Amino acid sequence: MIHVNGEDDSYLNESVADLLARRGVEPRGIAVALNGDVVRHGEWSTTLVHDDSKVEIVTAVAGG
């Protein structure tokens, strides 16, 4: 079991990029934190999400 934005999700031994694709998240304009550490976009495909990980997916919103 992993936790994505506070919700339980299946643990599938996948990369951050795979998780985003599975959840249908458009990668443009988002940031991802894994267990409190920001994962750089270039590392999404090589960074694995382990069992019991906490993932936060944040969308950038322009405004003022």
N, C-alpha and C. Protein backbone atom coordinates (compact mmCIF):
# COMPACT_ATOMS: atom_id res chain seq x y z
N MET A 1 0.84 -1.17 0.00
CA MET A 1 0.00 0.00 0.00
C MET A 1 0.89 1.24 0.00
N ILE A 2 0.54 2.20 -0.85
CA ILE A 2 1.20 3.50 -0.84
C ILE A 2 0.14 4.55 -0.57
N HIS A 3 0.56 5.77 -0.33
CA HIS A 3 -0.36 6.86 -0.01
C HIS A 3 -0.09 8.01 -0.98
N VAL A 4 -1.09 8.36 -1.78
CA VAL A 4 -0.96 9.41 -2.78
C VAL A 4 -1.91 10.54 -2.43
N ASN A 5 -1.34 11.70 -2.14
CA ASN A 5 -2.13 12.87 -1.74
C ASN A 5 -3.11 12.52 -0.62
N GLY A 6 -2.63 11.71 0.32
CA GLY A 6 -3.43 11.37 1.49
C GLY A 6 -4.39 10.21 1.30
N GLU A 7 -4.45 9.63 0.10
CA GLU A 7 -5.35 8.51 -0.17
C GLU A 7 -4.55 7.23 -0.37
N ASP A 8 -5.08 6.11 0.09
CA ASP A 8 -4.43 4.83 -0.11
C ASP A 8 -4.51 4.44 -1.58
N ASP A 9 -3.44 3.81 -2.06
CA ASP A 9 -3.38 3.33 -3.44
C ASP A 9 -2.60 2.02 -3.43
N SER A 10 -2.74 1.26 -4.49
CA SER A 10 -2.05 -0.04 -4.60
C SER A 10 -0.55 0.15 -4.75
N TYR A 11 0.19 -0.75 -4.13
CA TYR A 11 1.63 -0.81 -4.31
C TYR A 11 1.92 -1.75 -5.47
N LEU A 12 2.56 -1.23 -6.54
CA LEU A 12 2.80 -2.03 -7.73
C LEU A 12 4.27 -2.07 -8.13
N ASN A 13 5.17 -1.67 -7.25
CA ASN A 13 6.61 -1.66 -7.56
C ASN A 13 6.87 -0.94 -8.89
N GLU A 14 6.48 0.33 -8.95
CA GLU A 14 6.57 1.11 -10.18
C GLU A 14 7.35 2.39 -9.93
N SER A 15 7.75 3.02 -11.02
CA SER A 15 8.45 4.29 -10.93
C SER A 15 7.44 5.42 -10.72
N VAL A 16 7.95 6.59 -10.38
CA VAL A 16 7.10 7.77 -10.27
C VAL A 16 6.38 8.02 -11.60
N ALA A 17 7.11 7.91 -12.71
CA ALA A 17 6.51 8.13 -14.03
C ALA A 17 5.39 7.12 -14.29
N ASP A 18 5.59 5.86 -13.92
CA ASP A 18 4.56 4.84 -14.11
C ASP A 18 3.33 5.13 -13.25
N LEU A 19 3.56 5.56 -12.02
CA LEU A 19 2.46 5.90 -11.13
C LEU A 19 1.62 7.04 -11.71
N LEU A 20 2.29 8.07 -12.19
CA LEU A 20 1.56 9.20 -12.78
C LEU A 20 0.75 8.75 -13.99
N ALA A 21 1.34 7.93 -14.85
CA ALA A 21 0.64 7.44 -16.03
C ALA A 21 -0.57 6.58 -15.64
N ARG A 22 -0.38 5.71 -14.66
CA ARG A 22 -1.48 4.85 -14.21
C ARG A 22 -2.64 5.66 -13.66
N ARG A 23 -2.32 6.75 -13.00
CA ARG A 23 -3.37 7.60 -12.42
C ARG A 23 -3.90 8.64 -13.40
N GLY A 24 -3.35 8.65 -14.61
CA GLY A 24 -3.83 9.58 -15.63
C GLY A 24 -3.45 11.02 -15.39
N VAL A 25 -2.31 11.22 -14.72
CA VAL A 25 -1.84 12.57 -14.39
C VAL A 25 -0.99 13.10 -15.53
N GLU A 26 -1.37 14.23 -16.08
CA GLU A 26 -0.58 14.91 -17.11
C GLU A 26 0.68 15.46 -16.45
N PRO A 27 1.87 15.09 -16.92
CA PRO A 27 3.11 15.48 -16.23
C PRO A 27 3.48 16.96 -16.35
N ARG A 28 2.86 17.67 -17.24
CA ARG A 28 3.21 19.07 -17.42
C ARG A 28 2.64 19.93 -16.28
N GLY A 29 3.51 20.74 -15.70
CA GLY A 29 3.07 21.68 -14.66
C GLY A 29 2.82 21.08 -13.29
N ILE A 30 3.43 19.92 -13.02
CA ILE A 30 3.27 19.33 -11.69
C ILE A 30 4.63 19.11 -11.03
N ALA A 31 4.57 18.95 -9.73
CA ALA A 31 5.74 18.58 -8.94
C ALA A 31 5.37 17.34 -8.14
N VAL A 32 6.35 16.51 -7.88
CA VAL A 32 6.12 15.28 -7.14
C VAL A 32 7.10 15.21 -5.98
N ALA A 33 6.57 14.91 -4.80
CA ALA A 33 7.40 14.66 -3.63
C ALA A 33 7.20 13.21 -3.20
N LEU A 34 8.28 12.55 -2.87
CA LEU A 34 8.26 11.17 -2.42
C LEU A 34 8.84 11.14 -1.02
N ASN A 35 8.00 10.80 -0.06
CA ASN A 35 8.41 10.77 1.35
C ASN A 35 9.03 12.10 1.78
N GLY A 36 8.45 13.19 1.29
CA GLY A 36 8.87 14.52 1.71
C GLY A 36 9.98 15.15 0.88
N ASP A 37 10.56 14.41 -0.05
CA ASP A 37 11.64 14.93 -0.88
C ASP A 37 11.14 15.12 -2.32
N VAL A 38 11.40 16.30 -2.89
CA VAL A 38 10.99 16.57 -4.26
C VAL A 38 11.80 15.69 -5.21
N VAL A 39 11.10 15.08 -6.16
CA VAL A 39 11.74 14.24 -7.18
C VAL A 39 11.82 15.08 -8.46
N ARG A 40 13.02 15.28 -8.97
CA ARG A 40 13.19 16.05 -10.20
C ARG A 40 12.54 15.33 -11.37
N HIS A 41 11.98 16.11 -12.27
CA HIS A 41 11.28 15.55 -13.42
C HIS A 41 12.14 14.54 -14.18
N GLY A 42 13.41 14.83 -14.35
CA GLY A 42 14.31 13.94 -15.06
C GLY A 42 14.58 12.62 -14.35
N GLU A 43 14.18 12.51 -13.10
CA GLU A 43 14.40 11.29 -12.32
C GLU A 43 13.13 10.47 -12.11
N TRP A 44 12.01 10.93 -12.66
CA TRP A 44 10.74 10.23 -12.45
C TRP A 44 10.78 8.79 -12.95
N SER A 45 11.40 8.56 -14.09
CA SER A 45 11.39 7.22 -14.66
C SER A 45 12.33 6.26 -13.94
N THR A 46 13.27 6.77 -13.17
CA THR A 46 14.23 5.91 -12.48
C THR A 46 14.02 5.86 -10.96
N THR A 47 13.10 6.66 -10.46
CA THR A 47 12.82 6.68 -9.02
C THR A 47 11.66 5.76 -8.71
N LEU A 48 11.92 4.72 -7.93
CA LEU A 48 10.89 3.75 -7.59
C LEU A 48 10.10 4.18 -6.37
N VAL A 49 8.81 3.88 -6.42
CA VAL A 49 7.91 4.13 -5.28
C VAL A 49 7.83 2.81 -4.52
N HIS A 50 8.33 2.81 -3.30
CA HIS A 50 8.37 1.59 -2.49
C HIS A 50 7.11 1.46 -1.64
N ASP A 51 6.88 0.25 -1.17
CA ASP A 51 5.73 -0.02 -0.31
C ASP A 51 5.73 0.94 0.88
N ASP A 52 4.58 1.45 1.23
CA ASP A 52 4.34 2.36 2.35
C ASP A 52 4.88 3.77 2.10
N SER A 53 5.21 4.08 0.84
CA SER A 53 5.68 5.43 0.51
C SER A 53 4.54 6.42 0.54
N LYS A 54 4.90 7.67 0.77
CA LYS A 54 3.94 8.78 0.72
C LYS A 54 4.31 9.65 -0.47
N VAL A 55 3.38 9.80 -1.41
CA VAL A 55 3.58 10.56 -2.62
C VAL A 55 2.65 11.76 -2.62
N GLU A 56 3.20 12.92 -2.89
CA GLU A 56 2.38 14.13 -3.04
C GLU A 56 2.55 14.61 -4.47
N ILE A 57 1.44 14.80 -5.16
CA ILE A 57 1.43 15.32 -6.51
C ILE A 57 0.78 16.68 -6.45
N VAL A 58 1.53 17.71 -6.83
CA VAL A 58 1.07 19.09 -6.71
C VAL A 58 1.04 19.73 -8.10
N THR A 59 -0.07 20.39 -8.41
CA THR A 59 -0.22 21.07 -9.69
C THR A 59 0.07 22.56 -9.49
N ALA A 60 0.91 23.09 -10.36
CA ALA A 60 1.22 24.53 -10.33
C ALA A 60 0.04 25.28 -10.92
N VAL A 61 -0.37 26.35 -10.25
CA VAL A 61 -1.47 27.18 -10.72
C VAL A 61 -0.98 28.61 -10.81
N ALA A 62 -1.13 29.21 -11.98
CA ALA A 62 -0.72 30.62 -12.15
C ALA A 62 -1.81 31.53 -11.60
N GLY A 63 -1.40 32.64 -11.10
CA GLY A 63 -2.37 33.59 -10.57
C GLY A 63 -1.68 34.65 -9.75
N GLY A 64 -2.47 35.53 -9.26
CA GLY A 64 -1.84 36.59 -8.50
C GLY A 64 -2.74 37.21 -7.50
